[in-house]
């Protein structure tokens, strides 16, 4: 069976909580009427079991079961460490 969970790539903006990071995912799309390229960002709270992520890291998050009221994503892998 094919994997159906969504995966997103974003930047860790906050790691101040225990086992939780805030990941900002940016996307670009073309405006339906005016055709201009619009950039928008959304923040996701993701579960980080080992507290391995730090602010500035580029991570891949995966959709998962609800961990809490606002946390429905988990860090799958760290793609790039902060400089």
PDB file of N, CA and C in Angstrom:
ATOM      1  N   UNK A   1       0.849  -1.190   0.000  1.00  0.00           N
ATOM      2  CA  UNK A   1       0.000   0.000   0.000  1.00  0.00           C
ATOM      3  C   UNK A   1       0.886   1.242   0.000  1.00  0.00           C
ATOM      4  N   UNK A   2       0.487   2.215  -0.766  1.00  0.00           N
ATOM      5  CA  UNK A   2       1.270   3.433  -0.883  1.00  0.00           C
ATOM      6  C   UNK A   2       1.152   4.287   0.374  1.00  0.00           C
ATOM      7  N   UNK A   3       2.236   4.942   0.713  1.00  0.00           N
ATOM      8  CA  UNK A   3       2.260   5.821   1.885  1.00  0.00           C
ATOM      9  C   UNK A   3       1.393   7.049   1.617  1.00  0.00           C
ATOM     10  N   UNK A   4       0.435   7.339   2.497  1.00  0.00           N
ATOM     11  CA  UNK A   4      -0.511   8.429   2.261  1.00  0.00           C
ATOM     12  C   UNK A   4      -0.272   9.652   3.128  1.00  0.00           C
ATOM     13  N   UNK A   5       0.680   9.567   4.047  1.00  0.00           N
ATOM     14  CA  UNK A   5       0.912  10.703   4.926  1.00  0.00           C
ATOM     15  C   UNK A   5       1.618  11.828   4.169  1.00  0.00           C
ATOM     16  N   UNK A   6       1.183  13.059   4.442  1.00  0.00           N
ATOM     17  CA  UNK A   6       1.791  14.213   3.773  1.00  0.00           C
ATOM     18  C   UNK A   6       3.148  14.519   4.409  1.00  0.00           C
ATOM     19  N   UNK A   7       4.058  15.033   3.584  1.00  0.00           N
ATOM     20  CA  UNK A   7       5.380  15.435   4.046  1.00  0.00           C
ATOM     21  C   UNK A   7       5.642  16.866   3.596  1.00  0.00           C
ATOM     22  N   UNK A   8       6.203  17.676   4.494  1.00  0.00           N
ATOM     23  CA  UNK A   8       6.517  19.065   4.187  1.00  0.00           C
ATOM     24  C   UNK A   8       7.945  19.353   4.613  1.00  0.00           C
ATOM     25  N   UNK A   9       8.578  20.302   3.929  1.00  0.00           N
ATOM     26  CA  UNK A   9       9.935  20.726   4.270  1.00  0.00           C
ATOM     27  C   UNK A   9       9.858  22.174   4.728  1.00  0.00           C
ATOM     28  N   UNK A  10      10.485  22.457   5.874  1.00  0.00           N
ATOM     29  CA  UNK A  10      10.436  23.809   6.407  1.00  0.00           C
ATOM     30  C   UNK A  10      11.624  24.114   7.299  1.00  0.00           C
ATOM     31  N   UNK A  11      11.596  25.317   7.865  1.00  0.00           N
ATOM     32  CA  UNK A  11      12.680  25.818   8.691  1.00  0.00           C
ATOM     33  C   UNK A  11      12.221  25.875  10.148  1.00  0.00           C
ATOM     34  N   UNK A  12      13.041  25.378  11.054  1.00  0.00           N
ATOM     35  CA  UNK A  12      12.708  25.420  12.485  1.00  0.00           C
ATOM     36  C   UNK A  12      12.871  26.859  12.966  1.00  0.00           C
ATOM     37  N   UNK A  13      11.796  27.425  13.509  1.00  0.00           N
ATOM     38  CA  UNK A  13      11.853  28.805  13.984  1.00  0.00           C
ATOM     39  C   UNK A  13      11.906  28.888  15.505  1.00  0.00           C
ATOM     40  N   UNK A  14      11.492  27.821  16.200  1.00  0.00           N
ATOM     41  CA  UNK A  14      11.543  27.831  17.661  1.00  0.00           C
ATOM     42  C   UNK A  14      11.751  26.411  18.170  1.00  0.00           C
ATOM     43  N   UNK A  15      12.673  26.274  19.130  1.00  0.00           N
ATOM     44  CA  UNK A  15      12.904  24.974  19.767  1.00  0.00           C
ATOM     45  C   UNK A  15      12.883  25.111  21.288  1.00  0.00           C
ATOM     46  N   UNK A  16      12.118  26.057  21.788  1.00  0.00           N
ATOM     47  CA  UNK A  16      12.138  26.372  23.217  1.00  0.00           C
ATOM     48  C   UNK A  16      11.289  25.432  24.063  1.00  0.00           C
ATOM     49  N   UNK A  17      10.425  24.628  23.415  1.00  0.00           N
ATOM     50  CA  UNK A  17       9.577  23.701  24.160  1.00  0.00           C
ATOM     51  C   UNK A  17      10.254  22.346  24.275  1.00  0.00           C
ATOM     52  N   UNK A  18       9.777  21.535  25.192  1.00  0.00           N
ATOM     53  CA  UNK A  18      10.317  20.196  25.361  1.00  0.00           C
ATOM     54  C   UNK A  18       9.670  19.253  24.353  1.00  0.00           C
ATOM     55  N   UNK A  19      10.487  18.592  23.543  1.00  0.00           N
ATOM     56  CA  UNK A  19      10.051  17.623  22.530  1.00  0.00           C
ATOM     57  C   UNK A  19       9.118  18.214  21.480  1.00  0.00           C
ATOM     58  N   UNK A  20       9.167  19.524  21.292  1.00  0.00           N
ATOM     59  CA  UNK A  20       8.328  20.193  20.302  1.00  0.00           C
ATOM     60  C   UNK A  20       9.134  21.288  19.615  1.00  0.00           C
ATOM     61  N   UNK A  21       8.977  21.400  18.296  1.00  0.00           N
ATOM     62  CA  UNK A  21       9.580  22.496  17.545  1.00  0.00           C
ATOM     63  C   UNK A  21       8.496  23.149  16.698  1.00  0.00           C
ATOM     64  N   UNK A  22       8.696  24.423  16.383  1.00  0.00           N
ATOM     65  CA  UNK A  22       7.804  25.141  15.479  1.00  0.00           C
ATOM     66  C   UNK A  22       8.506  25.216  14.128  1.00  0.00           C
ATOM     67  N   UNK A  23       7.843  24.698  13.102  1.00  0.00           N
ATOM     68  CA  UNK A  23       8.419  24.650  11.758  1.00  0.00           C
ATOM     69  C   UNK A  23       7.613  25.574  10.861  1.00  0.00           C
ATOM     70  N   UNK A  24       8.302  26.511  10.186  1.00  0.00           N
ATOM     71  CA  UNK A  24       7.659  27.415   9.249  1.00  0.00           C
ATOM     72  C   UNK A  24       7.846  26.871   7.840  1.00  0.00           C
ATOM     73  N   UNK A  25       6.731  26.619   7.168  1.00  0.00           N
ATOM     74  CA  UNK A  25       6.750  26.081   5.803  1.00  0.00           C
ATOM     75  C   UNK A  25       6.294  27.191   4.863  1.00  0.00           C
ATOM     76  N   UNK A  26       7.157  27.559   3.910  1.00  0.00           N
ATOM     77  CA  UNK A  26       6.818  28.572   2.920  1.00  0.00           C
ATOM     78  C   UNK A  26       6.371  27.902   1.633  1.00  0.00           C
ATOM     79  N   UNK A  27       5.395  28.531   0.961  1.00  0.00           N
ATOM     80  CA  UNK A  27       4.992  28.027  -0.344  1.00  0.00           C
ATOM     81  C   UNK A  27       4.772  29.202  -1.282  1.00  0.00           C
ATOM     82  N   UNK A  28       4.970  28.943  -2.567  1.00  0.00           N
ATOM     83  CA  UNK A  28       4.741  29.953  -3.588  1.00  0.00           C
ATOM     84  C   UNK A  28       3.637  29.472  -4.510  1.00  0.00           C
ATOM     85  N   UNK A  29       2.768  30.393  -4.880  1.00  0.00           N
ATOM     86  CA  UNK A  29       1.717  30.052  -5.827  1.00  0.00           C
ATOM     87  C   UNK A  29       1.387  31.285  -6.651  1.00  0.00           C
ATOM     88  N   UNK A  30       0.798  31.064  -7.797  1.00  0.00           N
ATOM     89  CA  UNK A  30       0.413  32.159  -8.669  1.00  0.00           C
ATOM     90  C   UNK A  30      -1.014  32.589  -8.338  1.00  0.00           C
ATOM     91  N   UNK A  31      -1.219  33.897  -8.201  1.00  0.00           N
ATOM     92  CA  UNK A  31      -2.536  34.435  -7.890  1.00  0.00           C
ATOM     93  C   UNK A  31      -3.496  34.106  -9.027  1.00  0.00           C
ATOM     94  N   UNK A  32      -4.690  33.669  -8.663  1.00  0.00           N
ATOM     95  CA  UNK A  32      -5.643  33.182  -9.658  1.00  0.00           C
ATOM     96  C   UNK A  32      -6.060  34.265 -10.662  1.00  0.00           C
ATOM     97  N   UNK A  33      -6.265  35.486 -10.194  1.00  0.00           N
ATOM     98  CA  UNK A  33      -6.756  36.543 -11.075  1.00  0.00           C
ATOM     99  C   UNK A  33      -5.627  37.384 -11.664  1.00  0.00           C
ATOM    100  N   UNK A  34      -4.676  37.791 -10.831  1.00  0.00           N
ATOM    101  CA  UNK A  34      -3.669  38.756 -11.270  1.00  0.00           C
ATOM    102  C   UNK A  34      -2.393  38.107 -11.783  1.00  0.00           C
ATOM    103  N   UNK A  35      -2.188  36.848 -11.497  1.00  0.00           N
ATOM    104  CA  UNK A  35      -1.028  36.155 -12.038  1.00  0.00           C
ATOM    105  C   UNK A  35       0.277  36.415 -11.319  1.00  0.00           C
ATOM    106  N   UNK A  36       0.258  37.242 -10.295  1.00  0.00           N
ATOM    107  CA  UNK A  36       1.480  37.536  -9.562  1.00  0.00           C
ATOM    108  C   UNK A  36       1.861  36.352  -8.676  1.00  0.00           C
ATOM    109  N   UNK A  37       3.163  36.098  -8.529  1.00  0.00           N
ATOM    110  CA  UNK A  37       3.635  35.029  -7.657  1.00  0.00           C
ATOM    111  C   UNK A  37       3.558  35.519  -6.212  1.00  0.00           C
ATOM    112  N   UNK A  38       2.819  34.782  -5.392  1.00  0.00           N
ATOM    113  CA  UNK A  38       2.580  35.161  -4.007  1.00  0.00           C
ATOM    114  C   UNK A  38       3.289  34.164  -3.108  1.00  0.00           C
ATOM    115  N   UNK A  39       3.965  34.671  -2.082  1.00  0.00           N
ATOM    116  CA  UNK A  39       4.619  33.807  -1.099  1.00  0.00           C
ATOM    117  C   UNK A  39       3.807  33.846   0.184  1.00  0.00           C
ATOM    118  N   UNK A  40       3.543  32.660   0.735  1.00  0.00           N
ATOM    119  CA  UNK A  40       2.843  32.605   2.012  1.00  0.00           C
ATOM    120  C   UNK A  40       3.545  31.586   2.897  1.00  0.00           C
ATOM    121  N   UNK A  41       3.400  31.766   4.200  1.00  0.00           N
ATOM    122  CA  UNK A  41       4.057  30.885   5.166  1.00  0.00           C
ATOM    123  C   UNK A  41       3.040  30.425   6.197  1.00  0.00           C
ATOM    124  N   UNK A  42       3.239  29.210   6.681  1.00  0.00           N
ATOM    125  CA  UNK A  42       2.375  28.668   7.725  1.00  0.00           C
ATOM    126  C   UNK A  42       3.256  27.971   8.752  1.00  0.00           C
ATOM    127  N   UNK A  43       2.870  28.083  10.013  1.00  0.00           N
ATOM    128  CA  UNK A  43       3.634  27.465  11.089  1.00  0.00           C
ATOM    129  C   UNK A  43       2.974  26.173  11.542  1.00  0.00           C
ATOM    130  N   UNK A  44       3.786  25.157  11.738  1.00  0.00           N
ATOM    131  CA  UNK A  44       3.315  23.868  12.230  1.00  0.00           C
ATOM    132  C   UNK A  44       4.089  23.516  13.493  1.00  0.00           C
ATOM    133  N   UNK A  45       3.399  22.960  14.482  1.00  0.00           N
ATOM    134  CA  UNK A  45       4.078  22.443  15.662  1.00  0.00           C
ATOM    135  C   UNK A  45       4.345  20.963  15.416  1.00  0.00           C
ATOM    136  N   UNK A  46       5.599  20.563  15.574  1.00  0.00           N
ATOM    137  CA  UNK A  46       5.982  19.192  15.253  1.00  0.00           C
ATOM    138  C   UNK A  46       6.657  18.540  16.449  1.00  0.00           C
ATOM    139  N   UNK A  47       6.423  17.242  16.587  1.00  0.00           N
ATOM    140  CA  UNK A  47       6.998  16.457  17.677  1.00  0.00           C
ATOM    141  C   UNK A  47       8.450  16.116  17.359  1.00  0.00           C
ATOM    142  N   UNK A  48       9.344  16.390  18.307  1.00  0.00           N
ATOM    143  CA  UNK A  48      10.774  16.102  18.159  1.00  0.00           C
ATOM    144  C   UNK A  48      11.192  15.288  19.380  1.00  0.00           C
ATOM    145  N   UNK A  49      11.145  13.974  19.261  1.00  0.00           N
ATOM    146  CA  UNK A  49      11.318  13.070  20.403  1.00  0.00           C
ATOM    147  C   UNK A  49      12.649  13.253  21.118  1.00  0.00           C
ATOM    148  N   UNK A  50      13.748  13.440  20.372  1.00  0.00           N
ATOM    149  CA  UNK A  50      15.087  13.494  20.974  1.00  0.00           C
ATOM    150  C   UNK A  50      15.590  14.912  21.231  1.00  0.00           C
ATOM    151  N   UNK A  51      14.758  15.926  21.005  1.00  0.00           N
ATOM    152  CA  UNK A  51      15.189  17.325  21.108  1.00  0.00           C
ATOM    153  C   UNK A  51      16.434  17.572  20.264  1.00  0.00           C
ATOM    154  N   UNK A  52      16.463  17.015  19.051  1.00  0.00           N
ATOM    155  CA  UNK A  52      17.642  17.099  18.187  1.00  0.00           C
ATOM    156  C   UNK A  52      17.647  18.352  17.324  1.00  0.00           C
ATOM    157  N   UNK A  53      16.503  18.940  17.077  1.00  0.00           N
ATOM    158  CA  UNK A  53      16.410  20.101  16.184  1.00  0.00           C
ATOM    159  C   UNK A  53      16.698  21.388  16.947  1.00  0.00           C
ATOM    160  N   UNK A  54      17.293  22.329  16.220  1.00  0.00           N
ATOM    161  CA  UNK A  54      17.557  23.659  16.768  1.00  0.00           C
ATOM    162  C   UNK A  54      17.082  24.704  15.777  1.00  0.00           C
ATOM    163  N   UNK A  55      16.926  25.932  16.234  1.00  0.00           N
ATOM    164  CA  UNK A  55      16.449  27.007  15.371  1.00  0.00           C
ATOM    165  C   UNK A  55      17.385  27.177  14.180  1.00  0.00           C
ATOM    166  N   UNK A  56      16.808  27.285  12.993  1.00  0.00           N
ATOM    167  CA  UNK A  56      17.582  27.458  11.774  1.00  0.00           C
ATOM    168  C   UNK A  56      17.785  26.182  10.982  1.00  0.00           C
ATOM    169  N   UNK A  57      17.465  25.026  11.565  1.00  0.00           N
ATOM    170  CA  UNK A  57      17.615  23.758  10.847  1.00  0.00           C
ATOM    171  C   UNK A  57      16.519  23.610   9.797  1.00  0.00           C
ATOM    172  N   UNK A  58      16.874  23.014   8.653  1.00  0.00           N
ATOM    173  CA  UNK A  58      15.868  22.659   7.639  1.00  0.00           C
ATOM    174  C   UNK A  58      15.473  21.209   7.878  1.00  0.00           C
ATOM    175  N   UNK A  59      14.168  20.964   8.101  1.00  0.00           N
ATOM    176  CA  UNK A  59      13.690  19.638   8.475  1.00  0.00           C
ATOM    177  C   UNK A  59      12.546  19.202   7.566  1.00  0.00           C
ATOM    178  N   UNK A  60      12.326  17.900   7.546  1.00  0.00           N
ATOM    179  CA  UNK A  60      11.171  17.329   6.867  1.00  0.00           C
ATOM    180  C   UNK A  60      10.228  16.819   7.941  1.00  0.00           C
ATOM    181  N   UNK A  61       8.955  17.242   7.865  1.00  0.00           N
ATOM    182  CA  UNK A  61       7.971  16.804   8.846  1.00  0.00           C
ATOM    183  C   UNK A  61       6.931  15.937   8.142  1.00  0.00           C
ATOM    184  N   UNK A  62       6.343  15.032   8.910  1.00  0.00           N
ATOM    185  CA  UNK A  62       5.385  14.079   8.361  1.00  0.00           C
ATOM    186  C   UNK A  62       4.110  14.127   9.200  1.00  0.00           C
ATOM    187  N   UNK A  63       2.979  13.986   8.537  1.00  0.00           N
ATOM    188  CA  UNK A  63       1.690  13.985   9.208  1.00  0.00           C
ATOM    189  C   UNK A  63       1.569  12.727  10.061  1.00  0.00           C
ATOM    190  N   UNK A  64       1.022  12.874  11.269  1.00  0.00           N
ATOM    191  CA  UNK A  64       0.953  11.738  12.189  1.00  0.00           C
ATOM    192  C   UNK A  64      -0.286  11.859  13.071  1.00  0.00           C
ATOM    193  N   UNK A  65      -0.392  10.955  14.012  1.00  0.00           N
ATOM    194  CA  UNK A  65      -1.519  10.991  14.942  1.00  0.00           C
ATOM    195  C   UNK A  65      -1.422  12.238  15.817  1.00  0.00           C
ATOM    196  N   UNK A  66      -2.530  12.702  16.386  1.00  0.00           N
ATOM    197  CA  UNK A  66      -2.469  13.874  17.252  1.00  0.00           C
ATOM    198  C   UNK A  66      -1.676  13.597  18.531  1.00  0.00           C
ATOM    199  N   UNK A  67      -0.646  14.405  18.779  1.00  0.00           N
ATOM    200  CA  UNK A  67       0.118  14.315  20.021  1.00  0.00           C
ATOM    201  C   UNK A  67      -0.491  15.209  21.092  1.00  0.00           C
ATOM    202  N   UNK A  68      -1.100  16.322  20.669  1.00  0.00           N
ATOM    203  CA  UNK A  68      -1.747  17.243  21.595  1.00  0.00           C
ATOM    204  C   UNK A  68      -2.766  18.047  20.801  1.00  0.00           C
ATOM    205  N   UNK A  69      -3.260  19.125  21.403  1.00  0.00           N
ATOM    206  CA  UNK A  69      -4.310  19.910  20.751  1.00  0.00           C
ATOM    207  C   UNK A  69      -3.835  20.536  19.445  1.00  0.00           C
ATOM    208  N   UNK A  70      -2.576  20.999  19.389  1.00  0.00           N
ATOM    209  CA  UNK A  70      -2.071  21.688  18.204  1.00  0.00           C
ATOM    210  C   UNK A  70      -0.989  20.913  17.461  1.00  0.00           C
ATOM    211  N   UNK A  71      -0.591  19.771  17.985  1.00  0.00           N
ATOM    212  CA  UNK A  71       0.554  19.048  17.424  1.00  0.00           C
ATOM    213  C   UNK A  71       0.095  17.793  16.699  1.00  0.00           C
ATOM    214  N   UNK A  72       0.171  17.844  15.338  1.00  0.00           N
ATOM    215  CA  UNK A  72      -0.237  16.712  14.512  1.00  0.00           C
ATOM    216  C   UNK A  72       0.834  16.323  13.504  1.00  0.00           C
ATOM    217  N   UNK A  73       2.038  16.819  13.698  1.00  0.00           N
ATOM    218  CA  UNK A  73       3.158  16.544  12.796  1.00  0.00           C
ATOM    219  C   UNK A  73       4.343  16.068  13.625  1.00  0.00           C
ATOM    220  N   UNK A  74       5.254  15.326  12.979  1.00  0.00           N
ATOM    221  CA  UNK A  74       6.463  14.852  13.653  1.00  0.00           C
ATOM    222  C   UNK A  74       7.651  15.093  12.739  1.00  0.00           C
ATOM    223  N   UNK A  75       8.801  15.379  13.341  1.00  0.00           N
ATOM    224  CA  UNK A  75      10.028  15.576  12.565  1.00  0.00           C
ATOM    225  C   UNK A  75      10.484  14.209  12.060  1.00  0.00           C
ATOM    226  N   UNK A  76      10.599  14.084  10.746  1.00  0.00           N
ATOM    227  CA  UNK A  76      11.025  12.819  10.150  1.00  0.00           C
ATOM    228  C   UNK A  76      12.540  12.763  10.006  1.00  0.00           C
ATOM    229  N   UNK A  77      13.124  13.850   9.486  1.00  0.00           N
ATOM    230  CA  UNK A  77      14.577  13.893   9.371  1.00  0.00           C
ATOM    231  C   UNK A  77      15.050  15.332   9.293  1.00  0.00           C
ATOM    232  N   UNK A  78      16.301  15.530   9.701  1.00  0.00           N
ATOM    233  CA  UNK A  78      16.933  16.839   9.611  1.00  0.00           C
ATOM    234  C   UNK A  78      17.708  16.878   8.311  1.00  0.00           C
ATOM    235  N   UNK A  79      17.319  17.767   7.407  1.00  0.00           N
ATOM    236  CA  UNK A  79      17.946  17.828   6.093  1.00  0.00           C
ATOM    237  C   UNK A  79      19.225  18.655   6.104  1.00  0.00           C
ATOM    238  N   UNK A  80      19.234  19.737   6.890  1.00  0.00           N
ATOM    239  CA  UNK A  80      20.376  20.635   6.891  1.00  0.00           C
ATOM    240  C   UNK A  80      20.471  21.321   8.244  1.00  0.00           C
ATOM    241  N   UNK A  81      21.643  21.311   8.835  1.00  0.00           N
ATOM    242  CA  UNK A  81      21.847  21.957  10.126  1.00  0.00           C
ATOM    243  C   UNK A  81      22.052  23.448   9.960  1.00  0.00           C
ATOM    244  N   UNK A  82      21.754  24.204  11.008  1.00  0.00           N
ATOM    245  CA  UNK A  82      21.970  25.656  10.986  1.00  0.00           C
ATOM    246  C   UNK A  82      23.458  25.948  10.998  1.00  0.00           C
ATOM    247  N   UNK A  83      23.838  27.014  10.337  1.00  0.00           N
ATOM    248  CA  UNK A  83      25.261  27.369  10.252  1.00  0.00           C
ATOM    249  C   UNK A  83      25.804  27.845  11.582  1.00  0.00           C
TER     250      UNK A  83
END
